[in-house]
Amino acid sequence: MARSTILLVDDESKVCELIKAYLVKDGYDVIIAADGKTAIEKAQRYKPELIILDLNLPELDGLEVCRTIRKQSNVPIIMLTARDEETDKVVGLELGADDYVTKPFSPRELAARVSAVLRRYREGLKQGGQMIAGDLRLDPEKYEATYLGQSLGLTAAEFRLLSVLTRNPGRVYTRLQLMDSAFGESYEGYERTIDAHIKNIRQKISKLASESVNPLVTVRGVGYKLEK
C-alpha cells in the first residue's frame, strides 16, 4: 500500500525535523516547505494527502497560503499557530482549514490529529450512495456537493457537516451534536469551529442560490438545520 504524503509548512527547521520524525515513524512520507510561496508550489507539484500549515510564514503568511490552496483543492489542512486569540483560529477555519493545533504542542499530539483528520476524510470517501435534499446533491464517493447543479467546492470538513444535515433534512442539530456526528466524540475542536464551517457553507450556497432561499437555516438558541 502506498504511503501517504504530508506537506509540512513551517519556517522553524528544528520543529520541522521533530514533527517529520514522528510522522515518518507513523508511516508517512513528509515534504517540507519553509515559506508560503514554496508551500503553494509543492502543494501543486506533489498533491499531498494532508497539509500541516503554520500561520506565521515568510513570503506569504499561512492564511494566504490556505486561501490560495483552497481555490485549487479540498485537501485536509491542519493549522499550526502560536496565536492564542480565538479570532485567528476562526479566520483560518473560515478560509477552509479543517483543524488547528496551538503551539507549543507535543509532536505526538499533532501526529494523532493527522491520523484523526485523515481517517475522517477517508471514511467519507468510502461512504456510498448519493444524498439528495431539494436542490442539494452530495456524492460521498467523490466528496462532491452540488447546488442547483453547480459545484459548491466544499472542504472535507464542510462536506462532512453538510452530509449530516442532508441525511436528516428538517432535523435541528445543536453545535455539539453536529461536531460529534461529523467528526466523532473524540474530536478536540470547539463549538465556534462549527459556526465557522457553517458560515462558509452558507456563503457558498448563497453564491449559487440567486433569488432562492438558502436551505441551511440557523435556529436561534439551538443550532442548525437543512430545509428541503
Protein backbone atom coordinates (compact mmCIF):
# COMPACT_ATOMS: atom_id res chain seq x y z
CA MET A 1 0.00 0.00 0.00
CA ALA A 2 1.37 3.42 -0.99
CA ARG A 3 2.48 5.71 1.82
CA SER A 4 0.51 8.93 2.29
CA THR A 5 2.38 12.16 1.61
CA ILE A 6 2.18 15.01 4.13
CA LEU A 7 3.26 18.54 3.27
CA LEU A 8 4.69 20.22 6.38
CA VAL A 9 4.95 24.02 6.15
CA ASP A 10 6.96 25.78 8.88
CA ASP A 11 9.99 28.07 8.83
CA GLU A 12 11.49 26.58 12.02
CA SER A 13 13.80 23.80 10.84
CA LYS A 14 14.12 22.14 14.26
CA VAL A 15 10.35 21.98 14.62
CA CYS A 16 10.05 20.51 11.14
CA GLU A 17 12.63 17.79 11.77
CA LEU A 18 10.98 16.81 15.06
CA ILE A 19 7.50 16.61 13.52
CA LYS A 20 8.84 14.78 10.48
CA ALA A 21 10.47 12.13 12.66
CA TYR A 22 7.15 11.35 14.33
CA LEU A 23 5.21 11.30 11.06
CA VAL A 24 7.76 9.10 9.28
CA LYS A 25 7.61 6.70 12.24
CA ASP A 26 3.82 6.54 11.70
CA GLY A 27 4.33 5.58 8.07
CA TYR A 28 4.00 8.89 6.21
CA ASP A 29 6.25 10.46 3.58
CA VAL A 30 6.93 14.08 4.57
CA ILE A 31 7.76 17.01 2.30
CA ILE A 32 8.88 20.26 3.95
CA ALA A 33 8.37 23.86 2.83
CA ALA A 34 9.86 26.77 4.79
CA ASP A 35 7.84 29.64 3.30
CA GLY A 36 4.41 30.30 1.87
CA LYS A 37 5.37 30.61 -1.78
CA THR A 38 7.24 27.30 -1.74
CA ALA A 39 4.32 25.67 0.10
CA ILE A 40 1.92 26.55 -2.72
CA GLU A 41 4.36 25.29 -5.35
CA LYS A 42 4.91 21.97 -3.54
CA ALA A 43 1.19 21.50 -2.91
CA GLN A 44 0.60 21.78 -6.64
CA ARG A 45 3.52 19.54 -7.58
CA TYR A 46 3.21 16.69 -5.05
CA LYS A 47 -0.57 16.63 -4.39
CA PRO A 48 -0.20 15.73 -0.67
CA GLU A 49 -2.97 13.89 1.14
CA LEU A 50 -2.79 16.37 4.02
CA ILE A 51 -1.08 19.72 4.74
CA ILE A 52 0.24 20.90 8.12
CA LEU A 53 0.42 24.68 7.81
CA ASP A 54 2.00 27.20 10.19
CA LEU A 55 0.30 30.61 10.17
CA ASN A 56 3.46 32.67 10.70
CA LEU A 57 5.47 32.28 7.50
CA PRO A 58 7.83 34.40 5.37
CA GLU A 59 6.89 35.35 1.80
CA LEU A 60 3.17 34.61 2.26
CA ASP A 61 1.55 34.02 5.63
CA GLY A 62 -0.33 30.82 6.38
CA LEU A 63 -3.76 32.38 5.96
CA GLU A 64 -2.92 33.50 2.43
CA VAL A 65 -1.46 30.07 1.64
CA CYS A 66 -4.64 28.43 2.92
CA ARG A 67 -6.80 30.78 0.82
CA THR A 68 -4.78 30.01 -2.32
CA ILE A 69 -4.77 26.23 -1.82
CA ARG A 70 -8.50 26.18 -1.17
CA LYS A 71 -9.11 27.65 -4.61
CA GLN A 72 -7.42 24.57 -6.11
CA SER A 73 -8.06 21.65 -3.75
CA ASN A 74 -10.08 20.33 -0.80
CA VAL A 75 -7.03 18.59 0.70
CA PRO A 76 -7.31 18.46 4.53
CA ILE A 77 -5.35 21.28 6.24
CA ILE A 78 -4.26 21.40 9.88
CA MET A 79 -3.11 24.85 11.02
CA LEU A 80 -0.24 25.40 13.43
CA THR A 81 -0.47 28.64 15.33
CA ALA A 82 1.29 30.32 18.24
CA ARG A 83 -1.52 32.82 18.43
CA ASP A 84 -3.87 32.37 21.38
CA GLU A 85 -6.66 34.62 20.15
CA GLU A 86 -9.75 32.71 19.09
CA THR A 87 -10.31 35.16 16.22
CA ASP A 88 -7.16 34.00 14.41
CA LYS A 89 -8.28 30.38 14.60
CA VAL A 90 -11.78 31.20 13.37
CA VAL A 91 -10.37 33.14 10.41
CA GLY A 92 -8.26 30.14 9.45
CA LEU A 93 -11.25 27.82 9.72
CA GLU A 94 -13.37 30.20 7.64
CA LEU A 95 -10.68 30.13 4.95
CA GLY A 96 -11.04 26.35 4.78
CA ALA A 97 -8.71 24.77 7.34
CA ASP A 98 -10.05 21.52 8.81
CA ASP A 99 -8.40 21.62 12.24
CA TYR A 100 -5.80 23.54 14.25
CA VAL A 101 -3.13 22.87 16.86
CA THR A 102 -1.84 25.68 19.09
CA LYS A 103 1.90 25.99 19.83
CA PRO A 104 3.50 24.77 21.98
CA PHE A 105 2.27 21.24 21.32
CA SER A 106 3.65 17.73 21.55
CA PRO A 107 4.63 16.08 18.24
CA ARG A 108 2.69 13.03 19.41
CA GLU A 109 -0.46 15.14 19.75
CA LEU A 110 -0.01 16.52 16.23
CA ALA A 111 0.60 13.04 14.80
CA ALA A 112 -2.64 11.91 16.46
CA ARG A 113 -4.51 14.84 14.89
CA VAL A 114 -3.09 13.95 11.47
CA SER A 115 -4.30 10.38 11.87
CA ALA A 116 -7.76 11.51 13.00
CA VAL A 117 -8.25 14.03 10.18
CA LEU A 118 -7.13 11.54 7.52
CA ARG A 119 -9.36 8.83 9.00
CA ARG A 120 -12.42 11.08 8.83
CA TYR A 121 -11.56 12.10 5.28
CA ARG A 122 -11.11 8.50 4.12
CA GLU A 123 -14.28 7.35 5.86
CA GLY A 124 -16.16 9.99 3.92
CA LEU A 125 -14.68 8.71 0.67
CA LYS A 126 -15.84 5.17 1.49
CA GLN A 127 -19.47 6.11 2.08
CA GLY A 128 -21.53 5.04 -0.88
CA GLY A 129 -24.80 6.37 -2.22
CA GLN A 130 -25.68 9.89 -3.21
CA MET A 131 -27.72 12.05 -0.87
CA ILE A 132 -30.33 14.46 -2.19
CA ALA A 133 -32.24 17.15 -0.32
CA GLY A 134 -34.09 19.62 -2.51
CA ASP A 135 -31.55 21.25 -4.83
CA LEU A 136 -28.63 19.81 -2.88
CA ARG A 137 -26.87 16.66 -4.09
CA LEU A 138 -23.91 15.08 -2.26
CA ASP A 139 -21.72 12.29 -3.60
CA PRO A 140 -19.67 10.78 -0.72
CA GLU A 141 -17.58 8.62 -3.05
CA LYS A 142 -16.26 11.70 -4.82
CA TYR A 143 -16.54 14.13 -1.88
CA GLU A 144 -18.50 16.41 -4.19
CA ALA A 145 -21.51 18.58 -3.37
CA THR A 146 -23.64 20.49 -5.86
CA TYR A 147 -26.43 23.01 -5.51
CA LEU A 148 -28.72 23.69 -8.45
CA GLY A 149 -26.35 21.51 -10.46
CA GLN A 150 -23.24 23.58 -9.72
CA SER A 151 -20.29 22.57 -7.58
CA LEU A 152 -20.10 24.08 -4.09
CA GLY A 153 -16.35 23.45 -3.76
CA LEU A 154 -16.61 22.29 -0.14
CA THR A 155 -13.64 21.39 2.02
CA ALA A 156 -13.55 17.94 3.62
CA ALA A 157 -14.81 19.28 6.96
CA GLU A 158 -17.60 21.28 5.32
CA PHE A 159 -18.67 18.23 3.32
CA ARG A 160 -18.93 16.07 6.43
CA LEU A 161 -21.05 18.67 8.23
CA LEU A 162 -23.39 19.13 5.28
CA SER A 163 -23.64 15.34 4.93
CA VAL A 164 -25.01 15.08 8.48
CA LEU A 165 -27.63 17.75 7.80
CA THR A 166 -28.54 16.31 4.39
CA ARG A 167 -29.17 12.81 5.78
CA ASN A 168 -31.85 14.24 8.09
CA PRO A 169 -33.39 17.34 6.46
CA GLY A 170 -35.62 19.25 8.82
CA ARG A 171 -33.92 17.96 11.96
CA VAL A 172 -32.36 20.63 14.18
CA TYR A 173 -28.82 19.84 15.36
CA THR A 174 -27.02 21.59 18.18
CA ARG A 175 -23.40 22.53 17.55
CA LEU A 176 -22.25 19.72 19.83
CA GLN A 177 -24.43 17.17 18.00
CA LEU A 178 -23.02 18.30 14.66
CA MET A 179 -19.49 18.11 15.99
CA ASP A 180 -19.99 14.57 17.31
CA SER A 181 -21.86 13.34 14.22
CA ALA A 182 -19.46 14.81 11.67
CA PHE A 183 -16.12 14.37 13.43
CA GLY A 184 -16.64 11.88 16.26
CA GLU A 185 -16.86 12.29 20.01
CA SER A 186 -13.06 12.30 20.35
CA TYR A 187 -12.77 15.46 18.21
CA GLU A 188 -10.97 18.16 20.19
CA GLY A 189 -12.29 21.20 18.38
CA TYR A 190 -14.68 23.71 19.90
CA GLU A 191 -18.20 24.81 19.03
CA ARG A 192 -17.11 28.02 17.30
CA THR A 193 -15.42 25.74 14.77
CA ILE A 194 -18.89 24.57 13.69
CA ASP A 195 -20.08 28.18 13.30
CA ALA A 196 -17.12 28.98 11.05
CA HIS A 197 -17.71 25.95 8.81
CA ILE A 198 -21.47 26.56 8.62
CA LYS A 199 -20.86 30.19 7.67
CA ASN A 200 -18.62 29.02 4.82
CA ILE A 201 -21.21 26.53 3.56
CA ARG A 202 -23.99 29.13 3.65
CA GLN A 203 -21.89 31.61 1.68
CA LYS A 204 -21.08 29.01 -0.97
CA ILE A 205 -24.73 28.07 -1.33
CA SER A 206 -25.80 31.73 -1.45
CA LYS A 207 -23.46 32.40 -4.38
CA LEU A 208 -25.41 29.85 -6.41
CA ALA A 209 -28.87 30.44 -4.97
CA SER A 210 -29.70 33.66 -6.88
CA GLU A 211 -33.14 34.60 -5.56
CA SER A 212 -33.91 31.28 -3.88
CA VAL A 213 -33.86 30.99 -0.09
CA ASN A 214 -30.77 29.44 1.48
CA PRO A 215 -31.78 25.97 2.76
CA LEU A 216 -29.18 25.98 5.55
CA VAL A 217 -31.03 27.63 8.43
CA THR A 218 -29.91 28.89 11.83
CA VAL A 219 -32.33 28.04 14.63
CA ARG A 220 -31.62 30.72 17.21
CA GLY A 221 -30.58 29.45 20.59
CA VAL A 222 -30.40 25.85 19.35
CA GLY A 223 -28.27 25.20 16.28
CA TYR A 224 -28.76 24.47 12.58
CA LYS A 225 -30.99 22.55 10.19
CA LEU A 226 -31.32 21.92 6.47
CA GLU A 227 -34.66 22.61 4.83
CA LYS A 228 -35.71 20.88 1.61
